[in-house]
């Protein structure tokens, strides 16, 4: 029974990690523009923009290089995700 519980716990942890590692997508109201945000394994934020299913901006890194302070280009982690929609019609 203990072995079964450990396997179940490990499976739940993998599912949670998979869900937080997936990209988040924003679409325009008509669905023609799609902007996808993701984190690479090392915590580098990226984005990808498509228009009518065609690449406009290939996957590119996000970040800031600042003078005299550490750069803000990696080491990020997803803390929480909230989704909602808004309709002005």
N, C-alpha and C. Protein backbone atom coordinates (compact mmCIF):
# COMPACT_ATOMS: atom_id res chain seq x y z
N UNK A 1 0.82 -1.20 0.00
CA UNK A 1 0.00 0.00 0.00
C UNK A 1 0.87 1.26 0.00
N UNK A 2 1.95 1.26 0.76
CA UNK A 2 2.84 2.42 0.83
C UNK A 2 3.48 2.69 -0.53
N UNK A 3 3.86 1.64 -1.25
CA UNK A 3 4.46 1.77 -2.57
C UNK A 3 3.45 2.40 -3.55
N UNK A 4 2.19 1.97 -3.49
CA UNK A 4 1.14 2.52 -4.33
C UNK A 4 0.94 4.01 -4.04
N UNK A 5 0.94 4.39 -2.77
CA UNK A 5 0.76 5.79 -2.38
C UNK A 5 1.92 6.64 -2.90
N UNK A 6 3.13 6.14 -2.83
CA UNK A 6 4.28 6.88 -3.33
C UNK A 6 4.19 7.08 -4.84
N UNK A 7 3.79 6.05 -5.54
CA UNK A 7 3.65 6.17 -6.99
C UNK A 7 2.57 7.17 -7.36
N UNK A 8 1.46 7.14 -6.65
CA UNK A 8 0.38 8.08 -6.90
C UNK A 8 0.83 9.51 -6.62
N UNK A 9 1.55 9.71 -5.54
CA UNK A 9 2.07 11.03 -5.20
C UNK A 9 3.05 11.52 -6.27
N UNK A 10 3.92 10.65 -6.74
CA UNK A 10 4.89 11.02 -7.79
C UNK A 10 4.16 11.40 -9.07
N UNK A 11 3.12 10.66 -9.42
CA UNK A 11 2.35 10.96 -10.62
C UNK A 11 1.66 12.32 -10.50
N UNK A 12 1.09 12.61 -9.35
CA UNK A 12 0.45 13.91 -9.12
C UNK A 12 1.45 15.05 -9.24
N UNK A 13 2.64 14.87 -8.71
CA UNK A 13 3.68 15.90 -8.80
C UNK A 13 4.08 16.14 -10.26
N UNK A 14 4.21 15.07 -11.03
CA UNK A 14 4.55 15.22 -12.45
C UNK A 14 3.47 15.96 -13.22
N UNK A 15 2.23 15.66 -12.92
CA UNK A 15 1.12 16.35 -13.58
C UNK A 15 1.13 17.83 -13.23
N UNK A 16 1.35 18.17 -11.97
CA UNK A 16 1.41 19.57 -11.57
C UNK A 16 2.58 20.29 -12.24
N UNK A 17 3.74 19.66 -12.31
CA UNK A 17 4.88 20.28 -12.97
C UNK A 17 4.62 20.48 -14.45
N UNK A 18 3.98 19.51 -15.09
CA UNK A 18 3.67 19.62 -16.52
C UNK A 18 2.74 20.80 -16.76
N UNK A 19 1.72 20.97 -15.93
CA UNK A 19 0.77 22.06 -16.12
C UNK A 19 1.41 23.42 -15.93
N UNK A 20 2.34 23.57 -14.99
CA UNK A 20 2.96 24.87 -14.79
C UNK A 20 4.01 25.17 -15.85
N UNK A 21 4.55 24.15 -16.51
CA UNK A 21 5.58 24.37 -17.52
C UNK A 21 4.99 24.69 -18.88
N UNK A 22 3.72 24.45 -19.09
CA UNK A 22 3.11 24.71 -20.38
C UNK A 22 3.00 26.20 -20.64
N UNK A 23 2.99 26.54 -21.92
CA UNK A 23 2.92 27.93 -22.33
C UNK A 23 1.51 28.50 -22.10
N UNK A 24 1.46 29.80 -21.97
CA UNK A 24 0.20 30.51 -21.87
C UNK A 24 -0.03 31.26 -23.18
N UNK A 25 -1.25 31.25 -23.67
CA UNK A 25 -1.57 31.83 -24.98
C UNK A 25 -2.64 32.90 -24.84
N UNK A 26 -2.43 33.98 -25.58
CA UNK A 26 -3.41 35.07 -25.67
C UNK A 26 -3.80 35.19 -27.13
N UNK A 27 -5.10 35.29 -27.40
CA UNK A 27 -5.58 35.46 -28.77
C UNK A 27 -6.35 36.76 -28.91
N UNK A 28 -6.25 37.36 -30.09
CA UNK A 28 -7.03 38.56 -30.38
C UNK A 28 -8.51 38.19 -30.45
N UNK A 29 -9.40 39.18 -30.35
CA UNK A 29 -10.84 38.86 -30.39
C UNK A 29 -11.27 38.07 -31.64
N UNK A 30 -10.66 38.36 -32.79
CA UNK A 30 -11.05 37.62 -34.00
C UNK A 30 -10.23 36.33 -34.17
N UNK A 31 -9.29 36.06 -33.27
CA UNK A 31 -8.53 34.83 -33.29
C UNK A 31 -7.40 34.79 -34.30
N UNK A 32 -7.16 35.89 -35.01
CA UNK A 32 -6.13 35.88 -36.05
C UNK A 32 -4.73 36.08 -35.48
N UNK A 33 -4.61 36.81 -34.40
CA UNK A 33 -3.31 37.00 -33.73
C UNK A 33 -3.23 36.09 -32.52
N UNK A 34 -2.12 35.41 -32.38
CA UNK A 34 -1.90 34.54 -31.23
C UNK A 34 -0.52 34.84 -30.66
N UNK A 35 -0.49 35.17 -29.38
CA UNK A 35 0.77 35.44 -28.68
C UNK A 35 0.94 34.38 -27.61
N UNK A 36 2.07 33.69 -27.66
CA UNK A 36 2.32 32.59 -26.72
C UNK A 36 3.53 32.92 -25.86
N UNK A 37 3.34 32.84 -24.54
CA UNK A 37 4.42 33.05 -23.58
C UNK A 37 4.79 31.70 -22.98
N UNK A 38 6.10 31.49 -22.76
CA UNK A 38 6.55 30.23 -22.14
C UNK A 38 7.84 30.48 -21.37
N UNK A 39 8.16 29.56 -20.48
CA UNK A 39 9.42 29.56 -19.77
C UNK A 39 10.22 28.35 -20.21
N UNK A 40 11.47 28.56 -20.59
CA UNK A 40 12.35 27.44 -20.90
C UNK A 40 12.74 26.77 -19.60
N UNK A 41 13.38 25.62 -19.68
CA UNK A 41 13.74 24.85 -18.49
C UNK A 41 14.61 25.63 -17.52
N UNK A 42 15.46 26.53 -18.04
CA UNK A 42 16.34 27.32 -17.16
C UNK A 42 15.70 28.63 -16.70
N UNK A 43 14.38 28.78 -16.92
CA UNK A 43 13.67 29.95 -16.45
C UNK A 43 13.77 31.16 -17.36
N UNK A 44 14.15 30.97 -18.62
CA UNK A 44 14.22 32.07 -19.58
C UNK A 44 12.83 32.27 -20.18
N UNK A 45 12.26 33.49 -20.03
CA UNK A 45 10.94 33.74 -20.62
C UNK A 45 11.05 33.94 -22.13
N UNK A 46 10.09 33.37 -22.87
CA UNK A 46 10.06 33.50 -24.32
C UNK A 46 8.65 33.86 -24.78
N UNK A 47 8.57 34.36 -26.02
CA UNK A 47 7.28 34.63 -26.64
C UNK A 47 7.34 34.26 -28.11
N UNK A 48 6.17 34.07 -28.72
CA UNK A 48 6.05 33.68 -30.12
C UNK A 48 4.74 34.27 -30.64
N UNK A 49 4.79 34.99 -31.77
CA UNK A 49 3.61 35.65 -32.32
C UNK A 49 3.27 35.08 -33.68
N UNK A 50 1.99 34.74 -33.87
CA UNK A 50 1.52 34.28 -35.18
C UNK A 50 0.33 35.13 -35.62
N UNK A 51 0.16 35.25 -36.93
CA UNK A 51 -0.98 35.94 -37.53
C UNK A 51 -1.57 35.02 -38.58
N UNK A 52 -2.83 34.66 -38.40
CA UNK A 52 -3.51 33.73 -39.29
C UNK A 52 -2.72 32.43 -39.43
N UNK A 53 -2.13 31.97 -38.33
CA UNK A 53 -1.41 30.72 -38.32
C UNK A 53 0.00 30.78 -38.88
N UNK A 54 0.44 31.94 -39.33
CA UNK A 54 1.78 32.09 -39.89
C UNK A 54 2.66 32.84 -38.90
N UNK A 55 3.90 32.41 -38.77
CA UNK A 55 4.83 33.06 -37.85
C UNK A 55 5.09 34.50 -38.24
N UNK A 56 4.93 35.40 -37.27
CA UNK A 56 5.29 36.80 -37.44
C UNK A 56 6.60 37.05 -36.71
N UNK A 57 6.67 36.57 -35.47
CA UNK A 57 7.90 36.63 -34.67
C UNK A 57 8.16 35.21 -34.17
N UNK A 58 9.28 34.64 -34.60
CA UNK A 58 9.66 33.31 -34.12
C UNK A 58 9.94 33.37 -32.62
N UNK A 59 10.01 32.24 -31.97
CA UNK A 59 10.26 32.20 -30.54
C UNK A 59 11.48 33.05 -30.19
N UNK A 60 11.26 34.03 -29.33
CA UNK A 60 12.30 34.99 -28.94
C UNK A 60 12.34 35.12 -27.43
N UNK A 61 13.50 35.44 -26.93
CA UNK A 61 13.68 35.60 -25.48
C UNK A 61 13.22 36.97 -25.03
N UNK A 62 12.68 37.02 -23.82
CA UNK A 62 12.31 38.27 -23.16
C UNK A 62 13.30 38.52 -22.03
N UNK A 63 13.56 39.76 -21.72
CA UNK A 63 14.43 40.06 -20.59
C UNK A 63 14.99 41.46 -20.68
N UNK A 64 15.66 41.87 -19.63
CA UNK A 64 16.29 43.19 -19.56
C UNK A 64 17.74 43.05 -19.12
N UNK A 65 18.61 43.72 -19.82
CA UNK A 65 20.02 43.84 -19.41
C UNK A 65 20.16 45.21 -18.77
N UNK A 66 20.49 45.26 -17.50
CA UNK A 66 20.57 46.51 -16.76
C UNK A 66 22.02 46.81 -16.38
N UNK A 67 22.32 48.08 -16.28
CA UNK A 67 23.68 48.51 -15.93
C UNK A 67 23.88 48.40 -14.42
N UNK A 68 24.99 47.80 -14.02
CA UNK A 68 25.41 47.70 -12.63
C UNK A 68 24.50 46.89 -11.71
N UNK A 69 23.60 46.11 -12.30
CA UNK A 69 22.76 45.19 -11.51
C UNK A 69 22.60 43.90 -12.30
N UNK A 70 22.25 42.83 -11.62
CA UNK A 70 22.07 41.56 -12.36
C UNK A 70 21.00 41.69 -13.44
N UNK A 71 21.21 41.00 -14.54
CA UNK A 71 20.24 41.05 -15.64
C UNK A 71 18.97 40.29 -15.28
N UNK A 72 17.90 40.67 -15.93
CA UNK A 72 16.59 40.01 -15.74
C UNK A 72 16.29 39.21 -17.00
N UNK A 73 17.07 38.16 -17.22
CA UNK A 73 16.92 37.37 -18.44
C UNK A 73 16.68 35.89 -18.19
N UNK A 74 16.86 35.42 -16.97
CA UNK A 74 16.66 34.00 -16.68
C UNK A 74 16.38 33.81 -15.19
N UNK A 75 16.11 32.56 -14.84
CA UNK A 75 15.86 32.24 -13.44
C UNK A 75 14.43 32.50 -13.00
N UNK A 76 13.52 32.74 -13.95
CA UNK A 76 12.13 32.97 -13.61
C UNK A 76 11.41 31.65 -13.37
N UNK A 77 10.33 31.70 -12.60
CA UNK A 77 9.50 30.53 -12.34
C UNK A 77 8.04 30.97 -12.30
N UNK A 78 7.17 30.08 -12.68
CA UNK A 78 5.74 30.36 -12.63
C UNK A 78 5.28 30.18 -11.19
N UNK A 79 4.77 31.25 -10.60
CA UNK A 79 4.28 31.18 -9.23
C UNK A 79 2.79 30.87 -9.19
N UNK A 80 2.05 31.42 -10.16
CA UNK A 80 0.61 31.24 -10.17
C UNK A 80 0.08 31.65 -11.54
N UNK A 81 -1.02 31.06 -11.95
CA UNK A 81 -1.64 31.39 -13.23
C UNK A 81 -3.11 31.67 -12.98
N UNK A 82 -3.58 32.80 -13.49
CA UNK A 82 -5.00 33.15 -13.43
C UNK A 82 -5.47 33.38 -14.85
N UNK A 83 -6.60 32.80 -15.21
CA UNK A 83 -7.16 32.99 -16.54
C UNK A 83 -8.54 33.59 -16.41
N UNK A 84 -8.84 34.53 -17.33
CA UNK A 84 -10.17 35.10 -17.38
C UNK A 84 -10.37 35.66 -18.78
N UNK A 85 -11.59 35.90 -19.12
CA UNK A 85 -11.90 36.49 -20.42
C UNK A 85 -12.72 37.75 -20.22
N UNK A 86 -12.72 38.58 -21.26
CA UNK A 86 -13.41 39.86 -21.17
C UNK A 86 -14.08 40.09 -22.51
N UNK A 87 -15.36 40.40 -22.49
CA UNK A 87 -16.12 40.62 -23.72
C UNK A 87 -16.78 41.98 -23.65
N UNK A 88 -16.44 42.86 -24.59
CA UNK A 88 -17.00 44.22 -24.60
C UNK A 88 -18.29 44.33 -25.41
N UNK A 89 -18.72 43.25 -26.03
CA UNK A 89 -19.92 43.35 -26.88
C UNK A 89 -21.18 43.35 -26.08
